[in-house]
Amino acid sequence: MSDVEAGSVRRSVSTAMVRENAFSRYVMGNVQPLTDWLQDKPFVLRFVVGCVRGYGQPIFLNNPISGTIIFAALLVQNQWMAINGMVGIVTSQVTALAMALSTNDIENGSICFQGLMTGLVITAKSAEESWYGYLVFPVMLYSSFSVLLTSALGNLLGQWTIPAFNLPFNIATFLFIAGTGPYNAHFAQASGVSPDMWEGHSLDWIEILKSIPRGIGQCYACDNVISGSLITFSMLVCSPIIFGHALLGSLLGIFTGMALAVPPSQIYAGEWGYNAMLSCSCIGGFFYVLTWRSHLLALFSAVFATAVCAGMVGMLTPLPVLAFPFCIASAMSLLMTSESKNLIRVPLSTITYPEEHRRKFKPSNVAVHDVIT
């Protein structure tokens, strides 16, 4: 190869690398250039972008593009549910401002997503028909509660370097559902249907395949395959590592549920995939640097979350387990200690997205309990 040809190849490779870097900066991850551009812009604009980012935060995506895709997925699922989710997210943002909580958390959407989830699940579990206007009031009230719980639980669990996850939303929403029940005159809850019995020969494998994106969609109370697929795509846009672990987690939840002989209709709806998916995604690269050991721990956490879910279903029926199993399984995985150089906790103050963690933190001569201190 001549010098001219070699130079041409080097320029082509350099151009490709520049384009790839630009794509990763402006589309993937946290979209840091947008954050930099917003620094001197009016707060109203930063407030709106924070709300959009909040749509991705339930599945560890601090990305406005992913948030926009997820908002579209919610509209596909149910417009009334999407509106109440928006009410919850705006109410949470306003409450956080009124309480003078961290401006950075407000602009990243890491507080308001609790209100989003509260609004979505309260609407999804309601026995009332769509566009029941009075439902907006408990959505606003309990979304505000979730903000206060976020601050309190963050301070409490932070003593053990454990995040609050989506525990504030779980507590607020569970209190509302348990406090109203199926016979409430104003806010009756949908009563569960009698589960079908397990029959191994009657499994519909096409429905099981569809339950993979449904399991991911159930993180937002969505059982629509299109909605689940859009939410799955939003993860790929932000972080291929989270995307891969989400698919694995949902699949592990499905097969663990089958092993526990849970009703097939619940598997088809994705109800046994979302806790496992959340646990697998958060351990596999988000709160731990992705290595082969953290990958194995993520898979184990997914199975454990499903086992916890099975136990809680038996205890709480007819009340929903929500995402409590995810919180329990993930907290246990984060509280463990190891002397392995390949199991590294990402300090909570420096969390961004898994690909960035891989670049910033390398296995070194420290154990997991040393890295997080």
Protein backbone atom coordinates (compact mmCIF):
# COMPACT_ATOMS: atom_id res chain seq x y z
CA MET A 1 0.00 0.00 0.00
CA SER A 2 1.36 3.42 -0.99
CA ASP A 3 1.77 6.32 1.43
CA VAL A 4 -1.11 8.13 -0.28
CA GLU A 5 -3.43 5.14 0.15
CA ALA A 6 -2.36 4.65 3.77
CA GLY A 7 -3.05 8.32 4.51
CA SER A 8 -6.47 8.04 2.89
CA VAL A 9 -7.30 5.01 5.07
CA ARG A 10 -6.19 6.83 8.22
CA ARG A 11 -8.33 9.85 7.35
CA SER A 12 -11.35 7.60 6.71
CA VAL A 13 -10.87 5.83 10.05
CA SER A 14 -10.43 9.18 11.81
CA THR A 15 -13.61 10.55 10.21
CA ALA A 16 -15.56 7.46 11.22
CA MET A 17 -14.32 7.79 14.82
CA VAL A 18 -15.30 11.46 14.92
CA ARG A 19 -18.79 10.62 13.66
CA GLU A 20 -19.16 7.79 16.18
CA ASN A 21 -18.04 10.06 19.01
CA ALA A 22 -20.49 12.77 17.90
CA PHE A 23 -23.32 10.23 17.78
CA SER A 24 -22.51 8.96 21.27
CA ARG A 25 -22.34 12.49 22.67
CA TYR A 26 -25.44 13.94 21.03
CA VAL A 27 -27.73 10.89 21.01
CA MET A 28 -26.59 8.24 23.48
CA GLY A 29 -25.93 8.40 27.19
CA ASN A 30 -26.85 11.58 29.06
CA VAL A 31 -26.63 13.85 25.99
CA GLN A 32 -24.13 16.03 27.83
CA PRO A 33 -23.96 18.74 25.10
CA LEU A 34 -27.62 19.51 25.77
CA THR A 35 -26.92 19.88 29.48
CA ASP A 36 -24.02 22.23 28.74
CA TRP A 37 -26.15 24.30 26.35
CA LEU A 38 -28.93 24.67 28.94
CA GLN A 39 -26.64 26.09 31.64
CA ASP A 40 -27.42 29.74 30.86
CA LYS A 41 -30.92 29.21 29.48
CA PRO A 42 -34.20 30.16 31.27
CA PHE A 43 -35.16 27.84 34.09
CA VAL A 44 -38.50 27.08 32.45
CA LEU A 45 -36.66 25.39 29.60
CA ARG A 46 -34.48 23.41 32.00
CA PHE A 47 -37.64 22.46 33.92
CA VAL A 48 -39.27 21.05 30.77
CA VAL A 49 -36.15 19.11 29.76
CA GLY A 50 -36.00 17.72 33.31
CA CYS A 51 -39.55 16.43 32.90
CA VAL A 52 -38.66 14.78 29.60
CA ARG A 53 -35.57 13.18 31.14
CA GLY A 54 -37.80 11.94 33.96
CA TYR A 55 -39.66 9.66 31.56
CA GLY A 56 -36.53 7.56 31.16
CA GLN A 57 -35.37 7.53 34.78
CA PRO A 58 -37.55 4.56 35.91
CA ILE A 59 -35.37 2.35 33.69
CA PHE A 60 -32.09 4.20 34.39
CA LEU A 61 -32.10 6.39 31.28
CA ASN A 62 -31.14 10.04 31.77
CA ASN A 63 -31.71 10.83 28.10
CA PRO A 64 -34.30 13.25 26.67
CA ILE A 65 -34.48 11.38 23.36
CA SER A 66 -35.29 8.14 25.16
CA GLY A 67 -37.76 10.05 27.34
CA THR A 68 -39.57 11.34 24.26
CA ILE A 69 -39.84 7.82 22.82
CA ILE A 70 -41.23 6.54 26.13
CA PHE A 71 -43.81 9.33 26.21
CA ALA A 72 -44.93 8.23 22.74
CA ALA A 73 -45.15 4.64 23.99
CA LEU A 74 -47.43 5.75 26.83
CA LEU A 75 -49.72 7.51 24.36
CA VAL A 76 -49.93 4.29 22.34
CA GLN A 77 -50.84 2.37 25.50
CA ASN A 78 -53.52 4.69 26.89
CA GLN A 79 -53.88 8.44 26.42
CA TRP A 80 -55.64 8.94 29.77
CA MET A 81 -52.87 7.07 31.56
CA ALA A 82 -50.25 9.14 29.72
CA ILE A 83 -51.98 12.36 30.79
CA ASN A 84 -52.08 11.30 34.43
CA GLY A 85 -48.42 10.36 34.19
CA MET A 86 -47.73 13.88 32.94
CA VAL A 87 -49.77 15.31 35.82
CA GLY A 88 -47.72 13.25 38.25
CA ILE A 89 -44.39 14.29 36.76
CA VAL A 90 -45.23 18.02 36.73
CA THR A 91 -46.67 17.86 40.25
CA SER A 92 -43.49 16.19 41.48
CA GLN A 93 -41.29 18.80 39.83
CA VAL A 94 -43.30 21.65 41.37
CA THR A 95 -43.24 19.97 44.79
CA ALA A 96 -39.48 19.49 44.57
CA LEU A 97 -39.08 23.17 43.73
CA ALA A 98 -41.34 24.20 46.62
CA MET A 99 -39.28 22.06 49.00
CA ALA A 100 -36.03 23.48 47.55
CA LEU A 101 -34.64 20.03 46.75
CA SER A 102 -31.49 19.55 44.69
CA THR A 103 -31.61 21.59 41.48
CA ASN A 104 -29.43 19.02 39.75
CA ASP A 105 -31.88 16.24 40.64
CA ILE A 106 -34.79 18.34 39.40
CA GLU A 107 -33.11 19.05 36.08
CA ASN A 108 -32.11 15.40 35.63
CA GLY A 109 -35.61 14.10 36.30
CA SER A 110 -34.35 11.85 39.08
CA ILE A 111 -37.08 13.08 41.46
CA CYS A 112 -40.07 13.63 39.22
CA PHE A 113 -40.06 10.10 37.79
CA GLN A 114 -41.52 8.92 41.10
CA GLY A 115 -44.57 11.08 40.40
CA LEU A 116 -44.71 9.79 36.83
CA MET A 117 -44.90 6.20 38.03
CA THR A 118 -47.43 7.09 40.71
CA GLY A 119 -49.74 8.65 38.12
CA LEU A 120 -49.35 5.77 35.67
CA VAL A 121 -49.97 2.96 38.13
CA ILE A 122 -52.84 4.64 39.99
CA THR A 123 -54.55 5.05 36.62
CA ALA A 124 -53.73 1.53 35.45
CA LYS A 125 -55.09 -0.06 38.65
CA SER A 126 -58.26 2.04 38.75
CA ALA A 127 -61.60 0.30 38.14
CA GLU A 128 -63.03 3.54 36.76
CA GLU A 129 -63.31 4.07 33.04
CA SER A 130 -60.85 6.28 31.19
CA TRP A 131 -61.24 10.05 31.55
CA TYR A 132 -62.55 9.78 35.11
CA GLY A 133 -61.52 13.33 35.99
CA TYR A 134 -61.57 12.98 39.77
CA LEU A 135 -58.62 10.59 39.53
CA VAL A 136 -56.36 13.58 38.89
CA PHE A 137 -56.64 14.64 42.54
CA PRO A 138 -55.16 11.50 44.16
CA VAL A 139 -52.53 11.44 41.41
CA MET A 140 -51.42 14.94 42.39
CA LEU A 141 -51.57 14.25 46.12
CA TYR A 142 -49.68 10.97 46.11
CA SER A 143 -47.16 12.25 43.58
CA SER A 144 -46.36 14.97 46.10
CA PHE A 145 -46.03 12.31 48.80
CA SER A 146 -43.55 10.43 46.60
CA VAL A 147 -41.28 13.51 46.46
CA LEU A 148 -41.15 13.79 50.24
CA LEU A 149 -40.46 10.06 50.47
CA THR A 150 -37.68 10.41 47.88
CA SER A 151 -35.84 12.96 50.00
CA ALA A 152 -36.39 11.08 53.28
CA LEU A 153 -35.47 7.64 51.95
CA GLY A 154 -32.50 9.06 50.05
CA ASN A 155 -31.07 10.41 53.29
CA LEU A 156 -31.86 7.21 55.19
CA LEU A 157 -30.56 4.69 52.66
CA GLY A 158 -27.66 6.95 51.69
CA GLN A 159 -26.03 6.02 55.00
CA TRP A 160 -25.41 2.61 53.44
CA THR A 161 -24.67 4.08 49.98
CA ILE A 162 -27.92 2.59 48.70
CA PRO A 163 -30.17 4.64 46.39
CA ALA A 164 -33.90 4.92 47.03
CA PHE A 165 -34.60 3.23 43.67
CA ASN A 166 -38.34 3.63 42.97
CA LEU A 167 -39.26 2.78 46.55
CA PRO A 168 -40.97 6.17 47.14
CA PHE A 169 -43.40 5.54 44.28
CA ASN A 170 -44.00 2.00 45.54
CA ILE A 171 -44.88 3.17 49.03
CA ALA A 172 -47.08 6.07 47.91
CA THR A 173 -48.98 4.03 45.32
CA PHE A 174 -49.37 1.00 47.59
CA LEU A 175 -50.85 3.18 50.31
CA PHE A 176 -53.42 4.59 47.89
CA ILE A 177 -54.42 1.20 46.46
CA ALA A 178 -54.59 -0.45 49.88
CA GLY A 179 -56.51 2.49 51.30
CA THR A 180 -59.22 2.52 48.63
CA GLY A 181 -59.79 -1.09 47.58
CA PRO A 182 -62.31 -2.48 45.07
CA TYR A 183 -65.42 -1.09 46.78
CA ASN A 184 -64.45 2.55 47.31
CA ALA A 185 -67.24 4.90 46.23
CA HIS A 186 -64.93 7.32 44.45
CA PHE A 187 -61.67 5.53 43.61
CA ALA A 188 -62.43 1.83 43.35
CA GLN A 189 -59.55 -0.44 42.39
CA ALA A 190 -59.80 -3.10 39.69
CA SER A 191 -60.24 -6.51 41.28
CA GLY A 192 -57.97 -9.27 40.05
CA VAL A 193 -59.37 -11.97 37.82
CA SER A 194 -59.20 -15.62 38.81
CA PRO A 195 -55.88 -16.94 37.50
CA ASP A 196 -55.87 -19.75 35.00
CA MET A 197 -54.25 -22.98 36.09
CA TRP A 198 -50.84 -24.01 34.84
CA GLU A 199 -50.89 -26.52 32.02
CA GLY A 200 -47.49 -27.06 30.46
CA HIS A 201 -48.86 -28.39 27.20
CA SER A 202 -51.05 -25.33 26.63
CA LEU A 203 -48.28 -22.72 26.58
CA ASP A 204 -48.43 -20.29 23.67
CA TRP A 205 -44.79 -19.68 22.74
CA ILE A 206 -45.65 -16.77 20.47
CA GLU A 207 -47.24 -15.04 23.48
CA ILE A 208 -44.18 -15.88 25.57
CA LEU A 209 -42.01 -14.20 22.92
CA LYS A 210 -44.28 -11.13 23.04
CA SER A 211 -44.03 -11.12 26.83
CA ILE A 212 -40.35 -10.07 26.61
CA PRO A 213 -41.14 -6.49 25.47
CA ARG A 214 -44.32 -6.57 27.55
CA GLY A 215 -42.22 -7.31 30.63
CA ILE A 216 -40.13 -4.23 29.87
CA GLY A 217 -43.27 -2.19 29.21
CA GLN A 218 -44.74 -3.24 32.54
CA CYS A 219 -42.15 -1.02 34.21
CA TYR A 220 -44.58 1.71 33.08
CA ALA A 221 -47.76 -0.37 33.60
CA CYS A 222 -47.91 -1.01 29.82
CA ASP A 223 -49.04 -4.40 28.53
CA ASN A 224 -49.17 -3.38 24.87
CA VAL A 225 -46.53 -5.06 22.69
CA ILE A 226 -45.99 -1.90 20.61
CA SER A 227 -45.55 0.23 23.73
CA GLY A 228 -43.15 -2.31 25.22
CA SER A 229 -41.17 -2.44 21.98
CA LEU A 230 -40.87 1.36 21.87
CA ILE A 231 -39.68 1.45 25.48
CA THR A 232 -37.17 -1.29 24.67
CA PHE A 233 -35.92 0.73 21.69
CA SER A 234 -35.50 3.80 23.92
CA MET A 235 -33.06 1.76 26.03
CA LEU A 236 -31.04 0.84 22.95
CA VAL A 237 -30.81 4.53 22.00
CA CYS A 238 -29.40 5.50 25.38
CA SER A 239 -27.33 2.49 26.40
CA PRO A 240 -26.82 -0.82 24.57
CA ILE A 241 -25.58 -2.32 27.85
CA ILE A 242 -28.84 -1.51 29.65
CA PHE A 243 -30.76 -2.69 26.59
CA GLY A 244 -29.03 -6.09 26.60
CA HIS A 245 -29.50 -6.63 30.32
CA ALA A 246 -33.14 -5.58 30.08
CA LEU A 247 -33.83 -8.29 27.51
CA LEU A 248 -31.96 -10.88 29.57
CA GLY A 249 -33.73 -9.82 32.76
CA SER A 250 -37.19 -9.99 31.22
CA LEU A 251 -36.39 -13.41 29.77
CA LEU A 252 -35.07 -14.71 33.09
CA GLY A 253 -38.18 -13.45 34.86
CA ILE A 254 -40.36 -15.30 32.36
CA PHE A 255 -38.55 -18.61 32.71
CA THR A 256 -38.28 -18.34 36.49
CA GLY A 257 -42.02 -17.69 36.62
CA MET A 258 -42.61 -20.74 34.44
CA ALA A 259 -40.43 -22.81 36.77
CA LEU A 260 -42.58 -21.62 39.69
CA ALA A 261 -45.74 -22.61 37.74
CA VAL A 262 -47.30 -19.16 37.82
CA PRO A 263 -50.47 -18.66 35.71
CA PRO A 264 -49.58 -18.40 32.00
CA SER A 265 -51.84 -15.37 31.51
CA GLN A 266 -49.67 -13.42 33.96
CA ILE A 267 -46.53 -14.44 32.07
CA TYR A 268 -48.07 -13.40 28.75
CA ALA A 269 -48.95 -9.98 30.18
CA GLY A 270 -45.32 -9.41 31.22
CA GLU A 271 -46.14 -9.30 34.92
CA TRP A 272 -43.26 -11.64 35.76
CA GLY A 273 -40.65 -9.87 33.67
CA TYR A 274 -40.41 -6.29 34.91
CA ASN A 275 -38.95 -6.83 38.38
CA ALA A 276 -36.28 -9.14 36.98
CA MET A 277 -35.61 -6.72 34.14
CA LEU A 278 -35.13 -3.77 36.50
CA SER A 279 -32.81 -5.76 38.78
CA CYS A 280 -30.71 -7.09 35.91
CA SER A 281 -30.38 -3.65 34.29
CA CYS A 282 -29.42 -1.78 37.45
CA ILE A 283 -26.79 -4.29 38.57
CA GLY A 284 -25.41 -5.05 35.11
CA GLY A 285 -23.49 -1.87 34.43
CA PHE A 286 -25.43 0.93 36.12
CA PHE A 287 -24.59 0.66 39.82
CA TYR A 288 -21.72 -1.74 39.13
CA VAL A 289 -19.08 -1.36 36.44
CA LEU A 290 -19.82 -4.01 33.83
CA THR A 291 -17.44 -6.96 34.18
CA TRP A 292 -18.08 -10.66 33.88
CA ARG A 293 -18.64 -10.89 37.64
CA SER A 294 -21.12 -8.01 37.78
CA HIS A 295 -22.86 -9.55 34.77
CA LEU A 296 -23.30 -12.83 36.65
CA LEU A 297 -24.50 -10.93 39.71
CA ALA A 298 -27.06 -9.13 37.52
CA LEU A 299 -28.43 -12.45 36.25
CA PHE A 300 -28.62 -13.82 39.77
CA SER A 301 -30.36 -10.65 40.96
CA ALA A 302 -32.97 -11.05 38.21
CA VAL A 303 -33.81 -14.58 39.31
CA PHE A 304 -33.83 -13.53 42.97
CA ALA A 305 -36.20 -10.64 42.22
CA THR A 306 -38.63 -13.08 40.59
CA ALA A 307 -38.43 -15.40 43.58
CA VAL A 308 -39.13 -12.47 45.92
CA CYS A 309 -42.05 -11.51 43.66
CA ALA A 310 -43.53 -15.01 43.98
CA GLY A 311 -43.32 -14.85 47.76
CA MET A 312 -44.83 -11.38 47.95
CA VAL A 313 -47.68 -12.32 45.61
CA GLY A 314 -48.62 -15.08 48.03
CA MET A 315 -48.54 -12.67 50.98
CA LEU A 316 -50.14 -9.57 49.47
CA THR A 317 -52.84 -10.88 47.10
CA PRO A 318 -55.15 -9.19 46.12
CA LEU A 319 -52.88 -6.16 46.59
CA PRO A 320 -50.20 -5.66 43.91
CA VAL A 321 -46.52 -6.25 44.62
CA LEU A 322 -45.58 -3.32 42.33
CA ALA A 323 -41.76 -3.06 42.13
CA PHE A 324 -40.98 -3.96 45.75
CA PRO A 325 -39.21 -7.20 44.65
CA PHE A 326 -36.84 -5.20 42.47
CA CYS A 327 -35.99 -2.86 45.36
CA ILE A 328 -35.32 -5.78 47.72
CA ALA A 329 -33.25 -7.84 45.29
CA SER A 330 -31.18 -4.90 44.05
CA ALA A 331 -30.53 -3.57 47.56
CA MET A 332 -29.25 -7.00 48.61
CA SER A 333 -26.94 -7.10 45.59
CA LEU A 334 -25.57 -3.62 46.37
CA LEU A 335 -25.08 -4.32 50.08
CA MET A 336 -22.90 -7.36 49.51
CA THR A 337 -19.12 -7.08 49.82
CA SER A 338 -16.49 -8.83 47.76
CA GLU A 339 -12.71 -8.97 47.53
CA SER A 340 -12.86 -9.38 43.77
CA LYS A 341 -11.11 -6.77 41.62
CA ASN A 342 -13.81 -7.33 38.99
CA LEU A 343 -16.78 -6.26 41.10
CA ILE A 344 -16.69 -2.48 41.38
CA ARG A 345 -19.48 -0.28 42.72
CA VAL A 346 -19.94 3.05 40.97
CA PRO A 347 -20.06 5.90 43.53
CA LEU A 348 -23.59 7.30 43.60
CA SER A 349 -22.32 10.83 43.03
CA THR A 350 -20.64 9.89 39.74
CA ILE A 351 -23.31 7.69 38.14
CA THR A 352 -23.98 8.48 34.48
CA TYR A 353 -24.53 5.51 32.16
CA PRO A 354 -22.86 2.07 31.81
CA GLU A 355 -20.66 2.81 28.79
CA GLU A 356 -19.22 5.85 30.55
CA HIS A 357 -18.66 3.80 33.71
CA ARG A 358 -16.63 1.32 31.66
CA ARG A 359 -14.39 4.16 30.47
CA LYS A 360 -13.99 5.87 33.84
CA PHE A 361 -13.61 2.92 36.20
CA LYS A 362 -11.25 0.06 35.55
CA PRO A 363 -10.69 -3.04 37.71
CA SER A 364 -7.93 -2.18 40.15
CA ASN A 365 -6.41 -3.39 43.36
CA VAL A 366 -9.44 -2.53 45.43
CA ALA A 367 -12.47 -4.50 46.49
CA VAL A 368 -16.07 -3.46 46.08
CA HIS A 369 -16.42 -2.21 49.64
CA ASP A 370 -13.33 0.00 49.15
CA VAL A 371 -14.50 1.61 45.91
CA ILE A 372 -17.77 2.95 47.25
CA THR A 373 -16.34 4.66 50.31
